[in-house]
Amino acid sequence: MNKRNVFIIAIATVAAAAVAFFDFKKKEDLPIVAIANYGPLSDLELSIQGIKDELVEQGFIENKTVRFEIKDVAFDHALIPQTITALKNRNPKVMVVVSTPIALFAKGKVHDIPLVFHAITDPVAVGIIKNKNQSDGNVTGSSDVQNLNVILDFAKSVLPHAKTVGLLCLTSDSNDAILLDMMRAATASMGMSVMAIPVDHIRDIPTHMQEFKGKVDFIYVAASGLHAAMPTIASEAQKMNIPVFDSEDQSVRNGLALASFGVNYESVGRNAGKLVAKILKGADIKTVAPIYPTLQDHRCFVNKKLAEKFGVKINQKVTFVE
């Protein structure tokens, strides 16, 4: 190889390195959206994708006009402090805090960055904000509150003689405590009742499930840490011939639950994305009100094989899955 070719190759290498460096530098200068996730749960992952999709519609393209820093604590509360600290040190423009324990910790430790809570049932009851429809300091967010009356009405249409709902409640999840209060109010308004079983450890679920035998007409599972044990819940319920209704559709698709009627977490994510976009565009978080799901943000799925197994007829417009 002659000197001229060596020189040309050297120039090209330097130029390529310079382009790569400036491209990296450009990405480094983009505003960061930090997301502290609770763990690898299908609902939460779908909602995070909803945030990204909404931001694209609002003109924020990943690695072109905005960057994402996403970390999860793998459902381990002990990892929350270091996760929030690590994300805060990235100097994000806004931080999305997913789940009650993460949002509460961030609210107490992060005061100079806008916080958008996400996937929290009742942000007022758990102390995230003071007023349902107003941001609080540097905090606003997107709730995933379910319309339980609509869910129970659907369940009654499928199981007309249903009177008692079975509900497992994870004692370490404040959302489950709020859900129980909401379920008690909803069942009372419809002449029904709820049998709630507290669960300290997921490993104890098979034993706790036996308490439902002969006492409940169906079991409802909401979006909480209990979803990690959905296969166990479904297996025990099917042994007792008890239908399971879920808040998310993946378990219906997997043949674990008869039906789901719940909040569409992609919509919940898009709601959070709307709030993030406002902040990225310069809105003062004090003027950015929280968002709650509408009836249109709910959706219904039914597992066809389980419907046949339980001998139920679905007269409403739903999406059937095999």
Protein backbone atom coordinates (compact mmCIF):
# COMPACT_ATOMS: atom_id res chain seq x y z
CA MET A 1 0.00 0.00 0.00
CA ASN A 2 1.50 3.35 -1.03
CA LYS A 3 1.75 6.40 1.21
CA ARG A 4 -1.09 8.16 -0.60
CA ASN A 5 -3.56 5.34 0.15
CA VAL A 6 -2.41 5.16 3.75
CA PHE A 7 -2.98 8.91 4.07
CA ILE A 8 -6.48 8.66 2.55
CA ILE A 9 -7.42 5.79 4.88
CA ALA A 10 -6.11 7.74 7.87
CA ILE A 11 -8.13 10.81 6.90
CA ALA A 12 -11.26 8.68 6.40
CA THR A 13 -10.77 7.01 9.79
CA VAL A 14 -10.36 10.34 11.54
CA ALA A 15 -13.41 11.73 9.75
CA ALA A 16 -15.52 8.70 10.73
CA ALA A 17 -14.36 9.01 14.32
CA ALA A 18 -15.21 12.70 14.31
CA VAL A 19 -18.70 12.02 12.95
CA ALA A 20 -19.25 9.33 15.58
CA PHE A 21 -18.00 11.65 18.31
CA PHE A 22 -20.21 14.54 17.31
CA ASP A 23 -23.19 12.19 16.87
CA PHE A 24 -22.57 10.87 20.39
CA LYS A 25 -22.15 14.42 21.67
CA LYS A 26 -25.41 15.42 20.00
CA LYS A 27 -27.25 12.55 21.70
CA GLU A 28 -25.66 13.47 25.02
CA ASP A 29 -27.11 16.97 24.69
CA LEU A 30 -30.69 15.75 24.16
CA PRO A 31 -33.21 16.22 27.00
CA ILE A 32 -33.60 13.07 29.07
CA VAL A 33 -36.85 11.44 30.15
CA ALA A 34 -36.01 9.19 33.10
CA ILE A 35 -38.35 6.30 33.92
CA ALA A 36 -38.14 4.46 37.24
CA ASN A 37 -40.13 1.27 36.67
CA TYR A 38 -41.38 -1.13 39.33
CA GLY A 39 -40.42 -4.26 37.42
CA PRO A 40 -40.79 -6.30 34.21
CA LEU A 41 -44.59 -6.57 34.29
CA SER A 42 -46.45 -6.79 30.97
CA ASP A 43 -48.91 -4.00 31.89
CA LEU A 44 -46.12 -1.66 32.91
CA GLU A 45 -44.01 -2.41 29.85
CA LEU A 46 -47.03 -1.75 27.65
CA SER A 47 -47.64 1.55 29.43
CA ILE A 48 -44.02 2.64 28.98
CA GLN A 49 -44.35 1.92 25.28
CA GLY A 50 -47.51 4.04 25.37
CA ILE A 51 -45.44 6.92 26.81
CA LYS A 52 -42.95 6.61 23.97
CA ASP A 53 -45.65 6.32 21.30
CA GLU A 54 -47.43 9.43 22.59
CA LEU A 55 -44.17 11.37 22.67
CA VAL A 56 -43.54 10.43 19.04
CA GLU A 57 -46.93 11.91 18.14
CA GLN A 58 -45.95 15.02 20.09
CA GLY A 59 -42.74 15.35 18.05
CA PHE A 60 -40.23 13.75 20.45
CA ILE A 61 -38.25 11.03 18.67
CA GLU A 62 -36.00 8.72 20.67
CA ASN A 63 -32.30 9.51 20.18
CA LYS A 64 -33.15 12.37 17.82
CA THR A 65 -35.00 14.90 19.94
CA VAL A 66 -35.16 13.09 23.30
CA ARG A 67 -33.39 10.33 25.20
CA PHE A 68 -34.77 7.76 27.62
CA GLU A 69 -33.08 6.43 30.74
CA ILE A 70 -35.10 3.48 32.04
CA LYS A 71 -34.36 1.45 35.14
CA ASP A 72 -36.49 -0.97 37.14
CA VAL A 73 -36.20 -2.20 40.70
CA ALA A 74 -37.34 -5.76 39.89
CA PHE A 75 -40.13 -5.41 42.51
CA ASP A 76 -37.44 -5.02 45.21
CA HIS A 77 -38.19 -2.00 47.43
CA ALA A 78 -34.61 -2.04 48.73
CA LEU A 79 -33.41 -1.03 45.24
CA ILE A 80 -35.61 2.07 45.03
CA PRO A 81 -33.19 4.57 46.67
CA GLN A 82 -30.23 3.73 44.44
CA THR A 83 -32.41 3.62 41.32
CA ILE A 84 -33.87 7.08 41.96
CA THR A 85 -30.43 8.47 42.83
CA ALA A 86 -28.90 7.04 39.65
CA LEU A 87 -31.65 8.52 37.47
CA LYS A 88 -31.53 11.87 39.27
CA ASN A 89 -27.77 12.08 38.61
CA ARG A 90 -28.52 11.95 34.87
CA ASN A 91 -30.17 15.40 35.22
CA PRO A 92 -33.38 14.46 33.39
CA LYS A 93 -35.83 17.04 32.15
CA VAL A 94 -38.63 14.98 33.70
CA MET A 95 -38.80 11.74 35.70
CA VAL A 96 -41.64 9.21 35.41
CA VAL A 97 -42.07 7.25 38.63
CA VAL A 98 -44.02 4.02 38.23
CA SER A 99 -45.94 2.55 41.20
CA THR A 100 -46.72 3.92 44.65
CA PRO A 101 -43.51 2.99 46.54
CA ILE A 102 -41.28 4.50 43.87
CA ALA A 103 -43.40 7.66 43.57
CA LEU A 104 -43.49 8.17 47.34
CA PHE A 105 -39.72 7.82 47.68
CA ALA A 106 -39.08 10.15 44.74
CA LYS A 107 -41.53 12.73 46.10
CA GLY A 108 -39.54 12.84 49.34
CA LYS A 109 -36.09 12.99 47.73
CA VAL A 110 -36.44 14.75 44.36
CA HIS A 111 -37.57 18.38 44.50
CA ASP A 112 -35.81 20.02 41.54
CA ILE A 113 -37.06 17.74 38.74
CA PRO A 114 -40.69 17.43 37.53
CA LEU A 115 -42.12 14.07 38.61
CA VAL A 116 -44.87 12.27 36.70
CA PHE A 117 -46.40 9.46 38.76
CA HIS A 118 -47.67 6.54 36.76
CA ALA A 119 -49.86 3.45 37.30
CA ILE A 120 -51.12 4.56 40.72
CA THR A 121 -54.76 3.88 41.59
CA ASP A 122 -55.52 6.71 44.02
CA PRO A 123 -52.66 9.24 44.26
CA VAL A 124 -54.50 11.27 46.91
CA ALA A 125 -55.15 8.35 49.24
CA VAL A 126 -51.50 7.24 49.19
CA GLY A 127 -50.18 10.79 49.69
CA ILE A 128 -48.67 11.52 46.28
CA ILE A 129 -50.82 14.61 45.73
CA LYS A 130 -53.31 16.49 47.91
CA ASN A 131 -56.00 17.28 45.34
CA LYS A 132 -57.20 14.79 42.77
CA ASN A 133 -57.23 17.27 39.91
CA GLN A 134 -54.20 19.41 40.76
CA SER A 135 -50.47 18.87 40.66
CA ASP A 136 -48.68 19.09 43.99
CA GLY A 137 -45.35 20.91 44.06
CA ASN A 138 -43.24 19.19 41.40
CA VAL A 139 -45.61 16.20 41.06
CA THR A 140 -48.39 15.34 38.60
CA GLY A 141 -49.25 12.09 36.88
CA SER A 142 -51.40 9.47 35.21
CA SER A 143 -53.64 7.18 37.29
CA ASP A 144 -54.70 3.63 36.38
CA VAL A 145 -57.85 3.64 38.52
CA GLN A 146 -60.30 0.96 37.37
CA ASN A 147 -64.03 1.48 36.89
CA LEU A 148 -65.05 -1.39 39.17
CA ASN A 149 -68.79 -0.86 38.71
CA VAL A 150 -68.42 -1.45 34.98
CA ILE A 151 -66.23 -4.50 35.62
CA LEU A 152 -68.74 -6.00 38.08
CA ASP A 153 -71.61 -5.25 35.72
CA PHE A 154 -69.80 -7.19 32.99
CA ALA A 155 -69.05 -10.07 35.39
CA LYS A 156 -72.75 -10.22 36.35
CA SER A 157 -73.73 -10.37 32.69
CA VAL A 158 -71.47 -13.42 32.31
CA LEU A 159 -72.33 -14.99 35.70
CA PRO A 160 -75.89 -13.77 36.46
CA HIS A 161 -76.07 -15.55 39.84
CA ALA A 162 -72.72 -14.23 41.10
CA LYS A 163 -72.96 -12.72 44.58
CA THR A 164 -69.45 -12.89 46.07
CA VAL A 165 -66.16 -11.74 44.61
CA GLY A 166 -62.86 -13.26 45.79
CA LEU A 167 -59.96 -10.83 46.12
CA LEU A 168 -56.35 -11.50 47.13
CA CYS A 169 -54.65 -8.44 48.63
CA LEU A 170 -50.88 -8.11 48.83
CA THR A 171 -50.24 -6.51 52.23
CA SER A 172 -47.10 -4.73 51.00
CA ASP A 173 -48.93 -3.00 48.14
CA SER A 174 -50.92 0.09 49.15
CA ASN A 175 -52.73 -0.01 45.80
CA ASP A 176 -54.26 -3.33 46.87
CA ALA A 177 -55.60 -1.76 50.08
CA ILE A 178 -57.20 1.03 48.04
CA LEU A 179 -58.59 -1.51 45.58
CA LEU A 180 -60.22 -3.39 48.45
CA ASP A 181 -62.00 -0.24 49.66
CA MET A 182 -63.15 0.49 46.12
CA MET A 183 -64.31 -3.10 45.60
CA ARG A 184 -66.28 -3.07 48.85
CA ALA A 185 -68.05 0.12 47.77
CA ALA A 186 -68.73 -1.18 44.26
CA THR A 187 -70.06 -4.58 45.39
CA ALA A 188 -72.26 -2.96 48.03
CA SER A 189 -73.85 -0.72 45.41
CA MET A 190 -74.71 -3.80 43.34
CA GLY A 191 -76.02 -6.01 46.14
CA MET A 192 -72.87 -8.13 46.14
CA SER A 193 -70.07 -8.75 48.63
CA VAL A 194 -66.31 -9.27 48.54
CA MET A 195 -64.25 -11.90 50.35
CA ALA A 196 -60.73 -10.50 50.76
CA ILE A 197 -57.74 -12.63 51.71
CA PRO A 198 -54.56 -10.79 52.80
CA VAL A 199 -51.30 -12.17 51.36
CA ASP A 200 -47.97 -11.43 53.03
CA HIS A 201 -45.83 -13.56 50.71
CA ILE A 202 -46.57 -14.73 47.16
CA ARG A 203 -45.32 -18.20 48.09
CA ASP A 204 -48.34 -18.55 50.40
CA ILE A 205 -50.90 -18.06 47.62
CA PRO A 206 -51.71 -21.79 47.05
CA THR A 207 -52.71 -22.09 50.71
CA HIS A 208 -54.71 -18.84 50.73
CA MET A 209 -56.55 -19.79 47.55
CA GLN A 210 -58.15 -22.76 49.35
CA GLU A 211 -60.04 -20.30 51.54
CA PHE A 212 -62.13 -19.31 48.49
CA LYS A 213 -63.43 -22.86 47.89
CA GLY A 214 -67.21 -22.92 47.89
CA LYS A 215 -67.40 -19.32 49.11
CA VAL A 216 -66.89 -17.09 46.02
CA ASP A 217 -68.41 -17.05 42.54
CA PHE A 218 -65.37 -15.62 40.82
CA ILE A 219 -61.96 -14.18 41.66
CA TYR A 220 -60.80 -10.75 40.54
CA VAL A 221 -57.09 -10.00 40.07
CA ALA A 222 -55.99 -6.39 39.70
CA ALA A 223 -52.69 -4.94 38.51
CA SER A 224 -50.35 -5.42 41.46
CA GLY A 225 -47.39 -7.51 42.53
CA LEU A 226 -49.80 -10.46 42.61
CA HIS A 227 -49.58 -10.70 38.84
CA ALA A 228 -46.23 -12.42 39.24
CA ALA A 229 -48.21 -15.35 40.68
CA MET A 230 -51.00 -15.35 38.09
CA PRO A 231 -50.21 -18.90 36.86
CA THR A 232 -50.52 -20.18 40.44
CA ILE A 233 -53.75 -18.26 41.06
CA ALA A 234 -55.25 -19.56 37.83
CA SER A 235 -54.17 -23.15 38.47
CA GLU A 236 -55.67 -23.24 41.95
CA ALA A 237 -58.86 -21.50 40.80
CA GLN A 238 -59.39 -23.96 37.94
CA LYS A 239 -59.00 -26.90 40.37
CA MET A 240 -61.93 -25.41 42.31
CA ASN A 241 -63.85 -24.54 39.13
CA ILE A 242 -63.81 -20.83 39.98
CA PRO A 243 -63.60 -18.37 37.05
CA VAL A 244 -60.94 -15.68 37.21
CA PHE A 245 -61.44 -12.13 35.95
CA ASP A 246 -58.34 -10.05 35.44
CA SER A 247 -57.58 -6.37 34.94
CA GLU A 248 -55.19 -7.11 32.07
CA ASP A 249 -55.65 -9.14 28.91
CA GLN A 250 -52.36 -11.04 28.73
CA SER A 251 -53.55 -13.64 31.22
CA VAL A 252 -56.67 -14.11 29.10
CA ARG A 253 -54.50 -14.65 26.03
CA ASN A 254 -52.43 -17.15 28.05
CA GLY A 255 -55.50 -19.15 29.06
CA LEU A 256 -55.22 -18.21 32.73
CA ALA A 257 -58.25 -15.95 33.13
CA LEU A 258 -61.75 -16.26 31.71
CA ALA A 259 -62.01 -12.57 30.95
CA SER A 260 -60.45 -9.20 31.47
CA PHE A 261 -62.19 -5.90 31.73
CA GLY A 262 -59.81 -3.23 32.76
CA VAL A 263 -57.81 -0.17 31.96
CA ASN A 264 -55.83 -0.34 28.76
CA TYR A 265 -52.31 0.33 30.01
CA GLU A 266 -51.22 1.62 26.64
CA SER A 267 -53.82 4.37 27.13
CA VAL A 268 -52.58 5.00 30.67
CA GLY A 269 -49.08 5.33 29.23
CA ARG A 270 -50.27 7.69 26.54
CA ASN A 271 -51.88 9.84 29.23
CA ALA A 272 -48.53 10.01 31.00
CA GLY A 273 -46.89 10.78 27.67
CA LYS A 274 -49.18 13.79 27.22
CA LEU A 275 -48.01 15.16 30.58
CA VAL A 276 -44.34 14.51 29.81
CA ALA A 277 -44.71 16.26 26.45
CA LYS A 278 -46.19 19.36 28.09
CA ILE A 279 -43.25 19.54 30.48
CA LEU A 280 -40.70 19.00 27.69
CA LYS A 281 -42.36 21.85 25.81
CA GLY A 282 -41.81 24.15 28.78
CA ALA A 283 -45.07 24.00 30.74
CA ASP A 284 -44.82 24.76 34.44
CA ILE A 285 -45.69 21.52 36.23
CA LYS A 286 -47.90 23.51 38.61
CA THR A 287 -50.27 24.01 35.65
CA VAL A 288 -50.19 20.36 34.49
CA ALA A 289 -53.15 18.52 36.03
CA PRO A 290 -53.20 14.74 36.61
CA ILE A 291 -55.07 12.52 34.15
CA TYR A 292 -57.47 9.67 34.99
CA PRO A 293 -58.75 6.91 32.66
CA THR A 294 -62.10 7.38 30.95
CA LEU A 295 -64.52 4.56 30.11
CA GLN A 296 -63.01 4.57 26.62
CA ASP A 297 -59.64 3.73 28.17
CA HIS A 298 -61.03 0.33 29.30
CA ARG A 299 -61.20 -2.78 27.13
CA CYS A 300 -62.58 -6.31 27.38
CA PHE A 301 -61.20 -9.71 26.33
CA VAL A 302 -62.67 -13.21 26.79
CA ASN A 303 -60.90 -16.55 26.47
CA LYS A 304 -63.09 -18.64 24.19
CA LYS A 305 -61.96 -22.04 25.49
CA LEU A 306 -62.49 -21.09 29.14
CA ALA A 307 -65.90 -19.61 28.29
CA GLU A 308 -66.87 -22.98 26.83
CA LYS A 309 -65.40 -24.81 29.85
CA PHE A 310 -67.42 -22.74 32.32
CA GLY A 311 -70.49 -22.88 30.08
CA VAL A 312 -70.99 -19.13 29.96
CA LYS A 313 -72.48 -17.08 27.15
CA ILE A 314 -71.15 -13.64 26.27
CA ASN A 315 -73.84 -11.34 24.92
CA GLN A 316 -71.79 -8.15 24.97
CA LYS A 317 -69.37 -6.90 22.33
CA VAL A 318 -65.97 -8.25 23.40
CA THR A 319 -62.76 -9.47 21.82
CA PHE A 320 -62.45 -13.26 21.92
CA VAL A 321 -59.04 -14.93 22.11
CA GLU A 322 -58.34 -18.65 21.68
